[in-house]
PDB file of N, CA and C in Angstrom:
ATOM      1  N   MET A   1     104.181 -15.929  -2.263  1.00  0.00           N
ATOM      2  CA  MET A   1     105.526 -15.738  -1.758  1.00  0.00           C
ATOM      3  C   MET A   1     106.448 -16.773  -2.414  1.00  0.00           C
ATOM      4  N   ALA A   2     107.605 -16.347  -2.856  1.00  0.00           N
ATOM      5  CA  ALA A   2     108.548 -17.240  -3.530  1.00  0.00           C
ATOM      6  C   ALA A   2     109.274 -18.122  -2.528  1.00  0.00           C
ATOM      7  N   GLU A   3     109.555 -19.320  -2.963  1.00  0.00           N
ATOM      8  CA  GLU A   3     110.299 -20.253  -2.113  1.00  0.00           C
ATOM      9  C   GLU A   3     111.784 -19.886  -2.158  1.00  0.00           C
ATOM     10  N   THR A   4     112.424 -19.791  -0.993  1.00  0.00           N
ATOM     11  CA  THR A   4     113.810 -19.327  -0.945  1.00  0.00           C
ATOM     12  C   THR A   4     114.804 -20.460  -0.700  1.00  0.00           C
ATOM     13  N   THR A   5     114.337 -21.673  -0.509  1.00  0.00           N
ATOM     14  CA  THR A   5     115.269 -22.774  -0.278  1.00  0.00           C
ATOM     15  C   THR A   5     115.837 -23.248  -1.601  1.00  0.00           C
ATOM     16  N   SER A   6     117.068 -23.687  -1.578  1.00  0.00           N
ATOM     17  CA  SER A   6     117.688 -24.220  -2.786  1.00  0.00           C
ATOM     18  C   SER A   6     118.008 -25.686  -2.564  1.00  0.00           C
ATOM     19  N   LYS A   7     117.875 -26.453  -3.623  1.00  0.00           N
ATOM     20  CA  LYS A   7     118.168 -27.878  -3.533  1.00  0.00           C
ATOM     21  C   LYS A   7     119.620 -28.095  -3.935  1.00  0.00           C
ATOM     22  N   LYS A   8     120.388 -28.660  -3.031  1.00  0.00           N
ATOM     23  CA  LYS A   8     121.780 -28.966  -3.339  1.00  0.00           C
ATOM     24  C   LYS A   8     121.871 -30.407  -3.799  1.00  0.00           C
ATOM     25  N   LYS A   9     122.700 -30.633  -4.774  1.00  0.00           N
ATOM     26  CA  LYS A   9     122.977 -31.978  -5.250  1.00  0.00           C
ATOM     27  C   LYS A   9     124.349 -32.357  -4.739  1.00  0.00           C
ATOM     28  N   GLY A  10     124.553 -33.622  -4.509  1.00  0.00           N
ATOM     29  CA  GLY A  10     125.851 -34.051  -4.024  1.00  0.00           C
ATOM     30  C   GLY A  10     126.271 -35.376  -4.608  1.00  0.00           C
ATOM     31  N   HIS A  11     127.551 -35.630  -4.527  1.00  0.00           N
ATOM     32  CA  HIS A  11     128.129 -36.886  -4.993  1.00  0.00           C
ATOM     33  C   HIS A  11     129.153 -37.356  -3.977  1.00  0.00           C
ATOM     34  N   VAL A  12     129.214 -38.644  -3.776  1.00  0.00           N
ATOM     35  CA  VAL A  12     130.321 -39.267  -3.060  1.00  0.00           C
ATOM     36  C   VAL A  12     130.859 -40.297  -4.032  1.00  0.00           C
ATOM     37  N   ASP A  13     132.087 -40.080  -4.483  1.00  0.00           N
ATOM     38  CA  ASP A  13     132.690 -40.928  -5.504  1.00  0.00           C
ATOM     39  C   ASP A  13     134.024 -41.475  -5.043  1.00  0.00           C
ATOM     40  N   ARG A  14     134.335 -42.684  -5.484  1.00  0.00           N
ATOM     41  CA  ARG A  14     135.669 -43.247  -5.282  1.00  0.00           C
ATOM     42  C   ARG A  14     136.364 -43.197  -6.637  1.00  0.00           C
ATOM     43  N   VAL A  15     137.435 -42.421  -6.701  1.00  0.00           N
ATOM     44  CA  VAL A  15     138.149 -42.215  -7.962  1.00  0.00           C
ATOM     45  C   VAL A  15     139.648 -42.405  -7.750  1.00  0.00           C
ATOM     46  N   ALA A  16     140.331 -42.693  -8.836  1.00  0.00           N
ATOM     47  CA  ALA A  16     141.786 -42.846  -8.786  1.00  0.00           C
ATOM     48  C   ALA A  16     142.428 -41.469  -8.765  1.00  0.00           C
ATOM     49  N   CYS A  17     143.207 -41.208  -7.736  1.00  0.00           N
ATOM     50  CA  CYS A  17     143.887 -39.923  -7.618  1.00  0.00           C
ATOM     51  C   CYS A  17     145.215 -39.983  -8.367  1.00  0.00           C
ATOM     52  N   PRO A  18     145.439 -39.066  -9.315  1.00  0.00           N
ATOM     53  CA  PRO A  18     146.699 -39.064 -10.053  1.00  0.00           C
ATOM     54  C   PRO A  18     147.897 -38.629  -9.218  1.00  0.00           C
ATOM     55  N   VAL A  19     147.650 -38.011  -8.063  1.00  0.00           N
ATOM     56  CA  VAL A  19     148.735 -37.530  -7.201  1.00  0.00           C
ATOM     57  C   VAL A  19     149.050 -38.544  -6.110  1.00  0.00           C
ATOM     58  N   ALA A  20     148.020 -38.995  -5.383  1.00  0.00           N
ATOM     59  CA  ALA A  20     148.238 -39.951  -4.289  1.00  0.00           C
ATOM     60  C   ALA A  20     148.577 -41.339  -4.817  1.00  0.00           C
ATOM     61  N   GLY A  21     148.112 -41.653  -6.032  1.00  0.00           N
ATOM     62  CA  GLY A  21     148.454 -42.935  -6.645  1.00  0.00           C
ATOM     63  C   GLY A  21     147.560 -44.092  -6.231  1.00  0.00           C
ATOM     64  N   HIS A  22     146.429 -43.808  -5.604  1.00  0.00           N
ATOM     65  CA  HIS A  22     145.483 -44.860  -5.245  1.00  0.00           C
ATOM     66  C   HIS A  22     144.075 -44.297  -5.224  1.00  0.00           C
ATOM     67  N   THR A  23     143.107 -45.135  -4.921  1.00  0.00           N
ATOM     68  CA  THR A  23     141.711 -44.702  -4.907  1.00  0.00           C
ATOM     69  C   THR A  23     141.414 -43.876  -3.664  1.00  0.00           C
ATOM     70  N   VAL A  24     140.726 -42.771  -3.860  1.00  0.00           N
ATOM     71  CA  VAL A  24     140.333 -41.887  -2.767  1.00  0.00           C
ATOM     72  C   VAL A  24     138.826 -41.653  -2.837  1.00  0.00           C
ATOM     73  N   THR A  25     138.255 -41.242  -1.724  1.00  0.00           N
ATOM     74  CA  THR A  25     136.833 -40.900  -1.692  1.00  0.00           C
ATOM     75  C   THR A  25     136.694 -39.388  -1.741  1.00  0.00           C
ATOM     76  N   CYS A  26     135.932 -38.915  -2.718  1.00  0.00           N
ATOM     77  CA  CYS A  26     135.695 -37.488  -2.884  1.00  0.00           C
ATOM     78  C   CYS A  26     134.230 -37.182  -2.616  1.00  0.00           C
ATOM     79  N   THR A  27     133.985 -36.140  -1.860  1.00  0.00           N
ATOM     80  CA  THR A  27     132.636 -35.676  -1.578  1.00  0.00           C
ATOM     81  C   THR A  27     132.483 -34.301  -2.201  1.00  0.00           C
ATOM     82  N   SER A  28     131.418 -34.133  -2.969  1.00  0.00           N
ATOM     83  CA  SER A  28     131.173 -32.838  -3.600  1.00  0.00           C
ATOM     84  C   SER A  28     129.709 -32.466  -3.438  1.00  0.00           C
ATOM     85  N   LYS A  29     129.464 -31.174  -3.358  1.00  0.00           N
ATOM     86  CA  LYS A  29     128.096 -30.655  -3.297  1.00  0.00           C
ATOM     87  C   LYS A  29     127.975 -29.552  -4.329  1.00  0.00           C
ATOM     88  N   TYR A  30     126.826 -29.502  -4.971  1.00  0.00           N
ATOM     89  CA  TYR A  30     126.562 -28.530  -6.020  1.00  0.00           C
ATOM     90  C   TYR A  30     125.313 -27.739  -5.686  1.00  0.00           C
ATOM     91  N   LYS A  31     125.302 -26.481  -6.082  1.00  0.00           N
ATOM     92  CA  LYS A  31     124.111 -25.650  -5.920  1.00  0.00           C
ATOM     93  C   LYS A  31     123.733 -25.115  -7.296  1.00  0.00           C
ATOM     94  N   PRO A  32     122.475 -24.783  -7.473  1.00  0.00           N
ATOM     95  CA  PRO A  32     122.055 -24.247  -8.773  1.00  0.00           C
ATOM     96  C   PRO A  32     122.815 -22.964  -9.092  1.00  0.00           C
ATOM     97  N   GLY A  33     123.328 -22.911 -10.301  1.00  0.00           N
ATOM     98  CA  GLY A  33     124.072 -21.731 -10.725  1.00  0.00           C
ATOM     99  C   GLY A  33     123.311 -20.975 -11.794  1.00  0.00           C
ATOM    100  N   GLU A  34     124.028 -20.166 -12.520  1.00  0.00           N
ATOM    101  CA  GLU A  34     123.426 -19.374 -13.587  1.00  0.00           C
ATOM    102  C   GLU A  34     123.029 -20.259 -14.759  1.00  0.00           C
ATOM    103  N   GLU A  35     121.964 -19.887 -15.417  1.00  0.00           N
ATOM    104  CA  GLU A  35     121.485 -20.558 -16.620  1.00  0.00           C
ATOM    105  C   GLU A  35     121.221 -22.047 -16.402  1.00  0.00           C
ATOM    106  N   GLY A  36     120.843 -22.422 -15.187  1.00  0.00           N
ATOM    107  CA  GLY A  36     120.493 -23.813 -14.908  1.00  0.00           C
ATOM    108  C   GLY A  36     121.666 -24.750 -14.701  1.00  0.00           C
ATOM    109  N   GLU A  37     122.876 -24.264 -14.838  1.00  0.00           N
ATOM    110  CA  GLU A  37     124.063 -25.101 -14.617  1.00  0.00           C
ATOM    111  C   GLU A  37     124.355 -25.194 -13.127  1.00  0.00           C
ATOM    112  N   ASP A  38     124.718 -26.372 -12.668  1.00  0.00           N
ATOM    113  CA  ASP A  38     125.116 -26.535 -11.273  1.00  0.00           C
ATOM    114  C   ASP A  38     126.543 -26.039 -11.084  1.00  0.00           C
ATOM    115  N   SER A  39     126.816 -25.459  -9.917  1.00  0.00           N
ATOM    116  CA  SER A  39     128.176 -25.011  -9.629  1.00  0.00           C
ATOM    117  C   SER A  39     128.646 -25.661  -8.325  1.00  0.00           C
ATOM    118  N   LEU A  40     129.909 -26.007  -8.287  1.00  0.00           N
ATOM    119  CA  LEU A  40     130.501 -26.671  -7.137  1.00  0.00           C
ATOM    120  C   LEU A  40     130.509 -25.732  -5.936  1.00  0.00           C
ATOM    121  N   SER A  41     129.959 -26.210  -4.812  1.00  0.00           N
ATOM    122  CA  SER A  41     129.944 -25.381  -3.604  1.00  0.00           C
ATOM    123  C   SER A  41     130.755 -25.998  -2.470  1.00  0.00           C
ATOM    124  N   TYR A  42     131.143 -27.278  -2.608  1.00  0.00           N
ATOM    125  CA  TYR A  42     131.918 -27.951  -1.555  1.00  0.00           C
ATOM    126  C   TYR A  42     132.679 -29.110  -2.190  1.00  0.00           C
ATOM    127  N   PHE A  43     133.933 -29.297  -1.764  1.00  0.00           N
ATOM    128  CA  PHE A  43     134.738 -30.426  -2.230  1.00  0.00           C
ATOM    129  C   PHE A  43     135.634 -30.896  -1.096  1.00  0.00           C
ATOM    130  N   ALA A  44     135.685 -32.201  -0.894  1.00  0.00           N
ATOM    131  CA  ALA A  44     136.592 -32.778   0.099  1.00  0.00           C
ATOM    132  C   ALA A  44     137.069 -34.128  -0.407  1.00  0.00           C
ATOM    133  N   CYS A  45     138.271 -34.476  -0.017  1.00  0.00           N
ATOM    134  CA  CYS A  45     138.884 -35.734  -0.427  1.00  0.00           C
ATOM    135  C   CYS A  45     139.521 -36.369   0.811  1.00  0.00           C
ATOM    136  N   THR A  46     139.516 -37.697   0.875  1.00  0.00           N
ATOM    137  CA  THR A  46     140.084 -38.375   2.041  1.00  0.00           C
ATOM    138  C   THR A  46     141.586 -38.148   2.176  1.00  0.00           C
ATOM    139  N   MET A  47     142.251 -37.738   1.121  1.00  0.00           N
ATOM    140  CA  MET A  47     143.695 -37.474   1.177  1.00  0.00           C
ATOM    141  C   MET A  47     144.009 -35.977   1.205  1.00  0.00           C
ATOM    142  N   GLU A  48     142.974 -35.140   1.289  1.00  0.00           N
ATOM    143  CA  GLU A  48     143.158 -33.689   1.243  1.00  0.00           C
ATOM    144  C   GLU A  48     144.167 -33.232   2.295  1.00  0.00           C
ATOM    145  N   GLY A  49     145.209 -32.558   1.837  1.00  0.00           N
ATOM    146  CA  GLY A  49     146.242 -32.069   2.736  1.00  0.00           C
ATOM    147  C   GLY A  49     147.354 -33.063   3.015  1.00  0.00           C
ATOM    148  N   HIS A  50     147.160 -34.313   2.618  1.00  0.00           N
ATOM    149  CA  HIS A  50     148.169 -35.346   2.874  1.00  0.00           C
ATOM    150  C   HIS A  50     148.766 -35.920   1.592  1.00  0.00           C
ATOM    151  N   CYS A  51     148.386 -35.355   0.454  1.00  0.00           N
ATOM    152  CA  CYS A  51     148.861 -35.895  -0.830  1.00  0.00           C
ATOM    153  C   CYS A  51     150.078 -35.149  -1.351  1.00  0.00           C
ATOM    154  N   GLY A  52     150.461 -34.062  -0.689  1.00  0.00           N
ATOM    155  CA  GLY A  52     151.634 -33.304  -1.112  1.00  0.00           C
ATOM    156  C   GLY A  52     151.318 -32.086  -1.952  1.00  0.00           C
ATOM    157  N   ILE A  53     150.054 -31.879  -2.280  1.00  0.00           N
ATOM    158  CA  ILE A  53     149.689 -30.704  -3.065  1.00  0.00           C
ATOM    159  C   ILE A  53     149.615 -29.501  -2.125  1.00  0.00           C
ATOM    160  N   THR A  54     150.304 -28.444  -2.504  1.00  0.00           N
ATOM    161  CA  THR A  54     150.311 -27.241  -1.673  1.00  0.00           C
ATOM    162  C   THR A  54     149.033 -26.436  -1.877  1.00  0.00           C
ATOM    163  N   MET A  55     148.756 -25.529  -0.966  1.00  0.00           N
ATOM    164  CA  MET A  55     147.529 -24.738  -1.002  1.00  0.00           C
ATOM    165  C   MET A  55     147.384 -23.929  -2.298  1.00  0.00           C
ATOM    166  N   TRP A  56     148.481 -23.468  -2.867  1.00  0.00           N
ATOM    167  CA  TRP A  56     148.397 -22.619  -4.057  1.00  0.00           C
ATOM    168  C   TRP A  56     148.471 -23.412  -5.358  1.00  0.00           C
ATOM    169  N   ASP A  57     148.674 -24.724  -5.270  1.00  0.00           N
ATOM    170  CA  ASP A  57     148.727 -25.569  -6.459  1.00  0.00           C
ATOM    171  C   ASP A  57     147.444 -26.397  -6.504  1.00  0.00           C
ATOM    172  N   PRO A  58     146.511 -26.101  -7.389  1.00  0.00           N
ATOM    173  CA  PRO A  58     145.211 -26.770  -7.336  1.00  0.00           C
ATOM    174  C   PRO A  58     145.274 -28.279  -7.574  1.00  0.00           C
ATOM    175  N   CYS A  59     144.466 -28.983  -6.832  1.00  0.00           N
ATOM    176  CA  CYS A  59     144.330 -30.437  -6.939  1.00  0.00           C
ATOM    177  C   CYS A  59     143.669 -30.783  -8.273  1.00  0.00           C
ATOM    178  N   PRO A  60     144.199 -31.752  -9.030  1.00  0.00           N
ATOM    179  CA  PRO A  60     143.580 -32.115 -10.312  1.00  0.00           C
ATOM    180  C   PRO A  60     142.170 -32.683 -10.146  1.00  0.00           C
ATOM    181  N   LEU A  61     141.903 -33.361  -9.031  1.00  0.00           N
ATOM    182  CA  LEU A  61     140.548 -33.863  -8.794  1.00  0.00           C
ATOM    183  C   LEU A  61     139.593 -32.703  -8.525  1.00  0.00           C
ATOM    184  N   PHE A  62     140.045 -31.706  -7.753  1.00  0.00           N
ATOM    185  CA  PHE A  62     139.216 -30.523  -7.488  1.00  0.00           C
ATOM    186  C   PHE A  62     138.873 -29.820  -8.799  1.00  0.00           C
ATOM    187  N   ILE A  63     139.858 -29.678  -9.675  1.00  0.00           N
ATOM    188  CA  ILE A  63     139.626 -29.024 -10.964  1.00  0.00           C
ATOM    189  C   ILE A  63     138.619 -29.812 -11.784  1.00  0.00           C
ATOM    190  N   SER A  64     138.730 -31.149 -11.785  1.00  0.00           N
ATOM    191  CA  SER A  64     137.773 -31.982 -12.524  1.00  0.00           C
ATOM    192  C   SER A  64     136.360 -31.822 -11.983  1.00  0.00           C
ATOM    193  N   TYR A  65     136.222 -31.795 -10.668  1.00  0.00           N
ATOM    194  CA  TYR A  65     134.902 -31.597 -10.070  1.00  0.00           C
ATOM    195  C   TYR A  65     134.390 -30.189 -10.347  1.00  0.00           C
ATOM    196  N   LEU A  66     135.277 -29.211 -10.299  1.00  0.00           N
ATOM    197  CA  LEU A  66     134.901 -27.827 -10.572  1.00  0.00           C
ATOM    198  C   LEU A  66     134.333 -27.700 -11.986  1.00  0.00           C
ATOM    199  N   GLU A  67     134.910 -28.439 -12.910  1.00  0.00           N
ATOM    200  CA  GLU A  67     134.454 -28.424 -14.300  1.00  0.00           C
ATOM    201  C   GLU A  67     133.343 -29.443 -14.529  1.00  0.00           C
ATOM    202  N   ASN A  68     132.895 -30.128 -13.465  1.00  0.00           N
ATOM    203  CA  ASN A  68     131.828 -31.135 -13.533  1.00  0.00           C
ATOM    204  C   ASN A  68     132.172 -32.325 -14.424  1.00  0.00           C
ATOM    205  N   LYS A  69     133.436 -32.612 -14.639  1.00  0.00           N
ATOM    206  CA  LYS A  69     133.818 -33.722 -15.493  1.00  0.00           C
ATOM    207  C   LYS A  69     133.519 -35.083 -14.849  1.00  0.00           C
ATOM    208  N   ILE A  70     133.852 -35.238 -13.586  1.00  0.00           N
ATOM    209  CA  ILE A  70     133.682 -36.545 -12.950  1.00  0.00           C
ATOM    210  C   ILE A  70     132.215 -36.909 -12.789  1.00  0.00           C
ATOM    211  N   PRO A  71     131.355 -36.038 -12.238  1.00  0.00           N
ATOM    212  CA  PRO A  71     129.945 -36.427 -12.137  1.00  0.00           C
ATOM    213  C   PRO A  71     129.287 -36.677 -13.501  1.00  0.00           C
ATOM    214  N   LYS A  72     129.634 -35.903 -14.534  1.00  0.00           N
ATOM    215  CA  LYS A  72     129.040 -36.104 -15.843  1.00  0.00           C
ATOM    216  C   LYS A  72     129.425 -37.440 -16.453  1.00  0.00           C
ATOM    217  N   GLU A  73     130.654 -37.903 -16.194  1.00  0.00           N
ATOM    218  CA  GLU A  73     131.098 -39.182 -16.722  1.00  0.00           C
ATOM    219  C   GLU A  73     130.328 -40.333 -16.087  1.00  0.00           C
ATOM    220  N   LYS A  74     129.896 -40.170 -14.841  1.00  0.00           N
ATOM    221  CA  LYS A  74     129.215 -41.243 -14.120  1.00  0.00           C
ATOM    222  C   LYS A  74     127.752 -41.371 -14.502  1.00  0.00           C
ATOM    223  N   LYS A  75     127.189 -40.379 -15.168  1.00  0.00           N
ATOM    224  CA  LYS A  75     125.758 -40.411 -15.502  1.00  0.00           C
ATOM    225  C   LYS A  75     125.485 -41.373 -16.629  1.00  0.00           C
TER     226      LYS A  75
END
């Protein structure tokens, strides 16, 4: 019988937010995606909703995490 559980990877990083103008804590979780690449499944920031970014204007930190730029730089 095949194992159905998936291992999620996560990061908690303190990064400089280009919008809020100071260091924020970002939490991200990744799940296995296609072709062995991890894909972002969760993102949260301590300033989320309070930095002035509207719901339809994507957060630059979210985009960086979505593209896996921040975790790859830390390795």
